[in-house]
Amino acid sequence: MLLRGANSPKLGTILDGLSTAVVCLDEDLRVVFINAAAEILFGVGARHVLGEPVASGVPHLAPLVSRCQEVIEFGAPMIERELTLKRNGEDPLVVDCTFSPLADSKRRALLLLEFFRLDRHMRISRDEQTLAHQKLNREIVRGLAHEIKNPLGGLRGAAQLLERELPDQGLTEFTRIIIREADRLQRLVDQMLGPSRRPHPTELNIHEVLEHVRQLVEIDRLHDIDIVRDYDPSLPNVFGDREQLIQVFLNILRNAVQALGSTAVRCGTIYIRSRARRQFTIGAMRHRLVAQVDIEDNGPGIEQDMVDKIFYPLVTSRADGTGLGLSIAQYLVQNHGGFIECSSRRGRTVFSVFLPISSEGRDT
């Protein structure tokens, strides 16, 4: 099989359009080509990688050097399934890798590596399942709220009528308790349902929203916590409802502050990061460009059995929490066509908010 010019502009354009990550090595295991999907997958840039030994140019692939040498030596293709590739300080990648020995126009040995990311597809499947569960959960909550609000209104009205007819004014305190508690339950039900209006999107700078939220938290926080910003200045504007997005990030950021304030963490730090993600899938829709905002704290973390439940109403790990903030945040982001996911371990909890930068997408 002949690979014609890995540096060919036409071939490069074709390979850059693939969602499969592709890396091509010469017989000395130096990188001669890397497509856009591989740059994104491994977090490297072609300018810094081309001509470099694969082990140093693409650190994730260092453990595959001996296998690459074997494939070039024996000239037989092979597939490695469910490989776990790591780079220091980053989450591991789970991939299937195809090793294909090739030759260039001068019959020099080449090796084509194709990477099919499994953890991404597992995440898509998990996200679709979560979205379906949350949609069903909201329908249940709406039905339950309707059943609660009707008798609450009757209960409150009856207490008001009873208060007017009581001969002893000293007894009105009891009817007022009934009215207050009915009003409290009404507010709780309204909070569970979240905002009733659909978002009214306008073009906005997500960093302006994040800065506004950061300032709000800086003003009212009681704890000695550092907030570190790491914004991508090249991130395009998004289309969203400014007030609703403020509520989303405010709920998440306040949760992080409360998590750090409830522990004896010496140097509490919250990181706010923004990045662009290309060819990213949310639910069943692939988007060309997505804004990712991470809010990370170095607090005690969330128990693993709670991570998959924290976006449901009334689920909370705090004694004084209502369990509504994250549920509302997820609902608002989903109304923007996005999604929030959480990963947590002791010393590192990350809430990632994904928002499509354009409405363009396609089914995967």
Protein backbone atom coordinates (compact mmCIF):
# COMPACT_ATOMS: atom_id res chain seq x y z
CA MET A 1 0.00 0.00 0.00
CA LEU A 2 1.37 3.38 -0.99
CA LEU A 3 0.89 6.57 1.01
CA ARG A 4 1.44 9.45 -1.38
CA GLY A 5 3.03 12.42 0.31
CA ALA A 6 1.87 12.86 3.87
CA ASN A 7 2.68 16.52 3.30
CA SER A 8 0.37 16.73 0.29
CA PRO A 9 -2.08 19.62 0.87
CA LYS A 10 -4.93 17.68 -0.71
CA LEU A 11 -4.31 14.56 1.38
CA GLY A 12 -3.77 16.68 4.48
CA THR A 13 -7.13 18.38 3.95
CA ILE A 14 -8.86 15.01 3.58
CA LEU A 15 -7.25 13.55 6.70
CA ASP A 16 -7.93 16.72 8.69
CA GLY A 17 -11.61 16.26 7.94
CA LEU A 18 -11.68 12.86 9.64
CA SER A 19 -12.96 12.46 13.19
CA THR A 20 -10.51 9.54 13.57
CA ALA A 21 -7.11 10.58 14.95
CA VAL A 22 -4.29 9.76 12.48
CA VAL A 23 -0.52 9.88 13.08
CA CYS A 24 2.08 8.81 10.50
CA LEU A 25 5.66 7.84 11.45
CA ASP A 26 8.75 7.18 9.40
CA GLU A 27 11.03 4.17 9.87
CA ASP A 28 12.90 6.03 12.63
CA LEU A 29 9.58 6.60 14.42
CA ARG A 30 9.62 10.32 13.78
CA VAL A 31 6.28 12.05 13.18
CA VAL A 32 5.81 12.94 9.50
CA PHE A 33 2.08 13.70 9.66
CA ILE A 34 -0.61 14.32 12.29
CA ASN A 35 -4.19 15.30 11.50
CA ALA A 36 -6.38 17.81 13.36
CA ALA A 37 -8.29 15.10 15.27
CA ALA A 38 -5.00 13.70 16.64
CA GLU A 39 -3.82 17.18 17.64
CA ILE A 40 -7.02 17.64 19.65
CA LEU A 41 -6.95 14.14 21.11
CA PHE A 42 -3.36 14.32 22.33
CA GLY A 43 -3.22 18.04 23.03
CA VAL A 44 -0.28 18.76 20.71
CA GLY A 45 0.36 21.06 17.75
CA ALA A 46 1.62 19.89 14.36
CA ARG A 47 4.29 22.60 14.21
CA HIS A 48 5.95 21.30 17.38
CA VAL A 49 5.51 17.61 16.57
CA LEU A 50 6.56 17.14 12.94
CA GLY A 51 10.07 15.70 12.65
CA GLU A 52 10.20 14.83 16.35
CA PRO A 53 10.54 11.29 17.77
CA VAL A 54 7.03 10.09 18.57
CA ALA A 55 7.88 9.39 22.23
CA SER A 56 8.77 13.04 22.89
CA GLY A 57 6.55 14.71 20.30
CA VAL A 58 3.38 12.87 21.37
CA PRO A 59 4.04 11.75 24.98
CA HIS A 60 0.83 9.70 25.11
CA LEU A 61 2.33 7.34 22.52
CA ALA A 62 5.65 6.66 24.29
CA PRO A 63 4.46 3.24 25.57
CA LEU A 64 3.73 2.16 21.96
CA VAL A 65 7.28 2.61 20.64
CA SER A 66 8.26 -1.06 20.89
CA ARG A 67 5.01 -2.16 19.24
CA CYS A 68 5.58 0.33 16.40
CA GLN A 69 9.08 -1.07 15.85
CA GLU A 70 7.69 -4.61 15.64
CA VAL A 71 5.05 -3.67 13.08
CA ILE A 72 7.61 -1.89 10.85
CA GLU A 73 10.07 -4.80 11.19
CA PHE A 74 7.59 -7.57 10.33
CA GLY A 75 5.39 -5.51 7.98
CA ALA A 76 2.15 -6.94 9.36
CA PRO A 77 -0.75 -4.73 10.44
CA MET A 78 -2.30 -5.20 13.85
CA ILE A 79 -4.95 -3.76 16.19
CA GLU A 80 -4.62 -3.06 19.90
CA ARG A 81 -7.95 -2.72 21.67
CA GLU A 82 -8.85 -0.72 24.78
CA LEU A 83 -5.41 0.83 25.19
CA THR A 84 -5.09 3.27 28.08
CA LEU A 85 -2.80 6.16 27.15
CA LYS A 86 -1.65 8.65 29.77
CA ARG A 87 0.29 11.87 30.03
CA ASN A 88 1.36 13.34 33.35
CA GLY A 89 -1.27 15.55 34.94
CA GLU A 90 -4.05 14.56 32.53
CA ASP A 91 -6.92 12.10 32.55
CA PRO A 92 -6.16 8.85 30.67
CA LEU A 93 -7.47 8.19 27.16
CA VAL A 94 -9.02 4.83 26.25
CA VAL A 95 -8.59 4.01 22.55
CA ASP A 96 -8.51 1.27 19.94
CA CYS A 97 -5.35 1.64 17.83
CA THR A 98 -4.71 0.26 14.33
CA PHE A 99 -1.05 -0.10 13.24
CA SER A 100 -0.68 -0.18 9.42
CA PRO A 101 2.76 -0.52 7.77
CA LEU A 102 2.99 1.53 4.57
CA ALA A 103 5.57 2.88 2.13
CA ASP A 104 6.03 6.31 0.63
CA SER A 105 6.72 7.07 -3.05
CA LYS A 106 10.41 6.18 -2.54
CA ARG A 107 9.52 2.86 -0.89
CA ARG A 108 10.68 4.02 2.51
CA ALA A 109 8.92 2.42 5.44
CA LEU A 110 6.11 4.34 7.05
CA LEU A 111 3.70 3.48 9.82
CA LEU A 112 0.13 4.75 9.95
CA LEU A 113 -1.53 4.87 13.38
CA GLU A 114 -5.29 5.32 13.66
CA PHE A 115 -6.92 5.98 17.04
CA PHE A 116 -10.59 5.41 17.75
CA ARG A 117 -11.47 6.98 21.08
CA LEU A 118 -13.60 4.67 23.22
CA ASP A 119 -14.02 6.83 26.31
CA ARG A 120 -15.57 9.56 24.13
CA HIS A 121 -18.20 7.15 22.81
CA MET A 122 -18.82 5.79 26.30
CA ARG A 123 -19.29 9.38 27.46
CA ILE A 124 -21.74 10.10 24.62
CA SER A 125 -23.75 7.01 25.54
CA ARG A 126 -23.68 7.97 29.22
CA ASP A 127 -24.70 11.55 28.44
CA GLU A 128 -27.62 10.41 26.29
CA GLN A 129 -28.79 8.12 29.07
CA THR A 130 -28.42 10.91 31.64
CA LEU A 131 -30.34 13.36 29.46
CA ALA A 132 -33.17 10.84 29.06
CA HIS A 133 -33.28 10.19 32.81
CA GLN A 134 -33.31 13.89 33.60
CA LYS A 135 -36.07 14.55 31.08
CA LEU A 136 -38.17 11.80 32.64
CA ASN A 137 -37.34 13.11 36.10
CA ARG A 138 -38.52 16.62 35.16
CA GLU A 139 -41.80 15.24 33.85
CA ILE A 140 -42.33 13.44 37.15
CA VAL A 141 -41.47 16.61 39.09
CA ARG A 142 -43.89 18.66 36.97
CA GLY A 143 -46.69 16.20 37.59
CA LEU A 144 -45.93 16.06 41.30
CA ALA A 145 -45.73 19.87 41.51
CA HIS A 146 -49.16 20.18 39.93
CA GLU A 147 -50.61 17.72 42.45
CA ILE A 148 -49.00 19.60 45.36
CA LYS A 149 -49.84 23.16 44.29
CA ASN A 150 -53.58 22.59 43.99
CA PRO A 151 -54.16 21.39 47.58
CA LEU A 152 -51.65 23.96 48.85
CA GLY A 153 -53.75 26.75 47.38
CA GLY A 154 -56.86 25.32 49.01
CA LEU A 155 -55.06 24.90 52.33
CA ARG A 156 -53.84 28.48 52.30
CA GLY A 157 -57.26 29.85 51.35
CA ALA A 158 -58.98 27.85 54.08
CA ALA A 159 -56.48 29.16 56.66
CA GLN A 160 -57.19 32.75 55.59
CA LEU A 161 -60.96 32.23 55.88
CA LEU A 162 -60.55 30.56 59.26
CA GLU A 163 -58.43 33.46 60.50
CA ARG A 164 -61.28 35.91 59.80
CA GLU A 165 -63.82 33.79 61.67
CA LEU A 166 -61.80 33.01 64.80
CA PRO A 167 -63.36 34.58 67.90
CA ASP A 168 -60.06 34.55 69.78
CA GLN A 169 -57.39 36.66 68.05
CA GLY A 170 -54.75 34.79 70.02
CA LEU A 171 -55.45 31.75 67.84
CA THR A 172 -54.56 33.56 64.60
CA GLU A 173 -50.90 32.75 65.17
CA PHE A 174 -51.70 29.13 64.25
CA THR A 175 -53.43 30.10 61.01
CA ARG A 176 -50.49 32.35 60.15
CA ILE A 177 -48.13 29.39 60.63
CA ILE A 178 -50.25 27.40 58.19
CA ILE A 179 -50.14 30.26 55.64
CA ARG A 180 -46.36 30.75 56.03
CA GLU A 181 -45.62 27.05 55.63
CA ALA A 182 -47.94 26.81 52.62
CA ASP A 183 -46.08 29.74 51.04
CA ARG A 184 -42.73 28.09 51.82
CA LEU A 185 -43.81 24.87 50.14
CA GLN A 186 -45.06 26.86 47.16
CA ARG A 187 -41.66 28.52 46.77
CA LEU A 188 -39.90 25.15 47.07
CA VAL A 189 -42.09 23.65 44.35
CA ASP A 190 -41.44 26.65 42.09
CA GLN A 191 -37.68 26.26 42.64
CA MET A 192 -37.87 22.58 41.74
CA LEU A 193 -39.53 23.46 38.45
CA GLY A 194 -36.86 26.03 37.63
CA PRO A 195 -37.37 29.09 35.41
CA SER A 196 -40.58 28.92 33.44
CA ARG A 197 -39.39 30.98 30.46
CA ARG A 198 -37.35 29.72 27.56
CA PRO A 199 -33.92 31.33 27.04
CA HIS A 200 -33.74 34.50 24.93
CA PRO A 201 -30.29 34.09 23.36
CA THR A 202 -28.11 36.96 22.26
CA GLU A 203 -24.49 36.99 21.17
CA LEU A 204 -22.32 37.37 24.24
CA ASN A 205 -18.77 37.01 25.47
CA ILE A 206 -18.71 34.08 27.90
CA HIS A 207 -15.72 35.62 29.70
CA GLU A 208 -17.76 38.72 30.53
CA VAL A 209 -20.38 36.45 32.11
CA LEU A 210 -17.71 34.56 34.07
CA GLU A 211 -16.10 37.79 35.30
CA HIS A 212 -19.48 39.08 36.47
CA VAL A 213 -20.09 35.85 38.39
CA ARG A 214 -16.58 35.88 39.85
CA GLN A 215 -17.07 39.42 41.16
CA LEU A 216 -20.39 38.47 42.77
CA VAL A 217 -18.74 35.56 44.56
CA GLU A 218 -15.70 37.64 45.55
CA ILE A 219 -17.99 40.18 47.25
CA ASP A 220 -19.96 37.80 49.47
CA ARG A 221 -17.52 34.95 50.12
CA LEU A 222 -16.44 34.48 53.72
CA HIS A 223 -13.46 32.20 53.19
CA ASP A 224 -9.85 32.77 52.16
CA ILE A 225 -10.01 31.21 48.71
CA ASP A 226 -7.99 32.02 45.59
CA ILE A 227 -9.87 32.17 42.29
CA VAL A 228 -7.52 31.59 39.36
CA ARG A 229 -8.68 32.50 35.84
CA ASP A 230 -7.39 30.71 32.75
CA TYR A 231 -9.34 32.03 29.78
CA ASP A 232 -8.81 31.21 26.13
CA PRO A 233 -8.81 34.67 24.46
CA SER A 234 -9.49 33.14 21.04
CA LEU A 235 -12.82 31.66 22.16
CA PRO A 236 -15.60 33.05 19.92
CA ASN A 237 -18.79 34.55 21.31
CA VAL A 238 -21.63 32.19 22.20
CA PHE A 239 -25.36 32.65 21.80
CA GLY A 240 -27.11 32.45 25.14
CA ASP A 241 -29.42 34.04 27.66
CA ARG A 242 -27.10 36.17 29.79
CA GLU A 243 -29.20 36.08 32.97
CA GLN A 244 -29.70 32.33 32.80
CA LEU A 245 -26.01 31.66 32.17
CA ILE A 246 -25.12 33.90 35.12
CA GLN A 247 -27.38 31.74 37.28
CA VAL A 248 -25.72 28.56 35.96
CA PHE A 249 -22.16 29.63 36.74
CA LEU A 250 -23.15 31.31 40.00
CA ASN A 251 -24.73 28.09 41.27
CA ILE A 252 -21.63 26.05 40.37
CA LEU A 253 -19.11 28.57 41.68
CA ARG A 254 -20.95 29.01 44.98
CA ASN A 255 -21.01 25.24 45.39
CA ALA A 256 -17.22 25.20 44.99
CA VAL A 257 -16.80 27.99 47.57
CA GLN A 258 -19.07 26.15 50.03
CA ALA A 259 -17.19 22.88 49.49
CA LEU A 260 -13.88 24.58 50.31
CA GLY A 261 -15.34 26.50 53.25
CA SER A 262 -16.71 23.34 54.85
CA THR A 263 -13.28 21.70 55.13
CA ALA A 264 -9.88 22.38 56.62
CA VAL A 265 -8.24 22.87 53.19
CA ARG A 266 -5.27 25.12 53.85
CA CYS A 267 -4.96 26.72 50.44
CA GLY A 268 -8.40 26.67 48.89
CA THR A 269 -8.18 27.32 45.16
CA ILE A 270 -10.82 27.51 42.45
CA TYR A 271 -9.81 27.47 38.78
CA ILE A 272 -12.07 28.91 36.09
CA ARG A 273 -10.96 27.74 32.63
CA SER A 274 -12.38 28.26 29.16
CA ARG A 275 -11.44 26.26 26.09
CA ALA A 276 -12.75 25.61 22.59
CA ARG A 277 -13.57 22.01 21.67
CA ARG A 278 -13.82 21.02 18.02
CA GLN A 279 -16.02 18.29 16.56
CA PHE A 280 -17.58 17.71 19.97
CA THR A 281 -20.72 15.66 20.57
CA ILE A 282 -23.43 16.64 23.04
CA GLY A 283 -26.15 14.02 23.31
CA ALA A 284 -26.70 12.81 19.75
CA MET A 285 -25.53 16.03 18.08
CA ARG A 286 -22.00 16.72 16.92
CA HIS A 287 -21.01 20.38 16.89
CA ARG A 288 -18.14 21.88 14.95
CA LEU A 289 -17.21 24.14 17.85
CA VAL A 290 -18.18 24.05 21.51
CA ALA A 291 -17.20 26.29 24.41
CA GLN A 292 -16.05 24.35 27.47
CA VAL A 293 -15.95 26.12 30.83
CA ASP A 294 -14.41 24.22 33.74
CA ILE A 295 -14.86 25.23 37.36
CA GLU A 296 -12.40 23.20 39.44
CA ASP A 297 -11.74 23.21 43.17
CA ASN A 298 -9.25 21.38 45.39
CA GLY A 299 -11.79 20.53 48.07
CA PRO A 300 -12.73 17.20 49.63
CA GLY A 301 -14.46 15.90 46.51
CA ILE A 302 -17.84 14.26 46.03
CA GLU A 303 -18.54 10.66 47.02
CA GLN A 304 -18.49 8.52 43.88
CA ASP A 305 -22.02 7.21 44.40
CA MET A 306 -23.24 10.82 44.52
CA VAL A 307 -21.58 12.06 41.32
CA ASP A 308 -24.24 10.58 39.03
CA LYS A 309 -27.08 11.88 41.23
CA ILE A 310 -26.12 15.46 42.03
CA PHE A 311 -28.03 16.94 39.07
CA TYR A 312 -31.33 15.54 40.31
CA PRO A 313 -33.63 17.76 42.41
CA LEU A 314 -33.32 17.54 46.21
CA VAL A 315 -30.10 15.48 46.05
CA THR A 316 -27.36 17.11 48.12
CA SER A 317 -24.38 16.10 50.24
CA ARG A 318 -24.67 19.19 52.48
CA ALA A 319 -26.83 19.24 55.58
CA ASP A 320 -27.99 22.78 54.82
CA GLY A 321 -28.36 22.33 51.05
CA THR A 322 -31.62 22.25 49.10
CA GLY A 323 -30.28 20.11 46.26
CA LEU A 324 -31.79 22.46 43.66
CA GLY A 325 -28.86 24.60 42.46
CA LEU A 326 -27.18 22.01 40.22
CA SER A 327 -30.49 20.63 39.01
CA ILE A 328 -31.55 24.10 37.84
CA ALA A 329 -28.10 24.74 36.31
CA GLN A 330 -28.30 21.51 34.28
CA TYR A 331 -31.85 22.35 33.15
CA LEU A 332 -30.82 25.83 31.97
CA VAL A 333 -27.75 24.57 30.11
CA GLN A 334 -29.78 21.85 28.41
CA ASN A 335 -32.19 24.54 27.24
CA HIS A 336 -29.16 26.13 25.55
CA GLY A 337 -28.38 22.85 23.77
CA GLY A 338 -25.51 22.14 26.17
CA PHE A 339 -24.64 19.84 29.02
CA ILE A 340 -22.87 19.84 32.38
CA GLU A 341 -20.76 16.93 33.57
CA CYS A 342 -18.86 16.38 36.78
CA SER A 343 -15.75 14.41 37.70
CA SER A 344 -14.49 14.24 41.25
CA ARG A 345 -11.88 12.75 43.48
CA ARG A 346 -10.38 13.97 46.72
CA GLY A 347 -8.51 17.21 46.04
CA ARG A 348 -9.99 17.77 42.57
CA THR A 349 -13.62 18.32 41.59
CA VAL A 350 -14.38 19.65 38.11
CA PHE A 351 -17.72 20.82 36.75
CA SER A 352 -17.51 21.18 32.97
CA VAL A 353 -20.14 23.23 31.13
CA PHE A 354 -20.38 22.61 27.38
CA LEU A 355 -22.18 25.20 25.24
CA PRO A 356 -22.45 25.04 21.45
CA ILE A 357 -20.90 28.11 19.85
CA SER A 358 -23.18 27.76 16.83
CA SER A 359 -26.46 25.95 16.32
CA GLU A 360 -24.94 23.87 13.55
CA GLY A 361 -24.60 20.19 14.29
CA ARG A 362 -25.15 16.77 12.85
CA ASP A 363 -26.19 13.40 14.17
CA THR A 364 -23.52 10.97 15.18
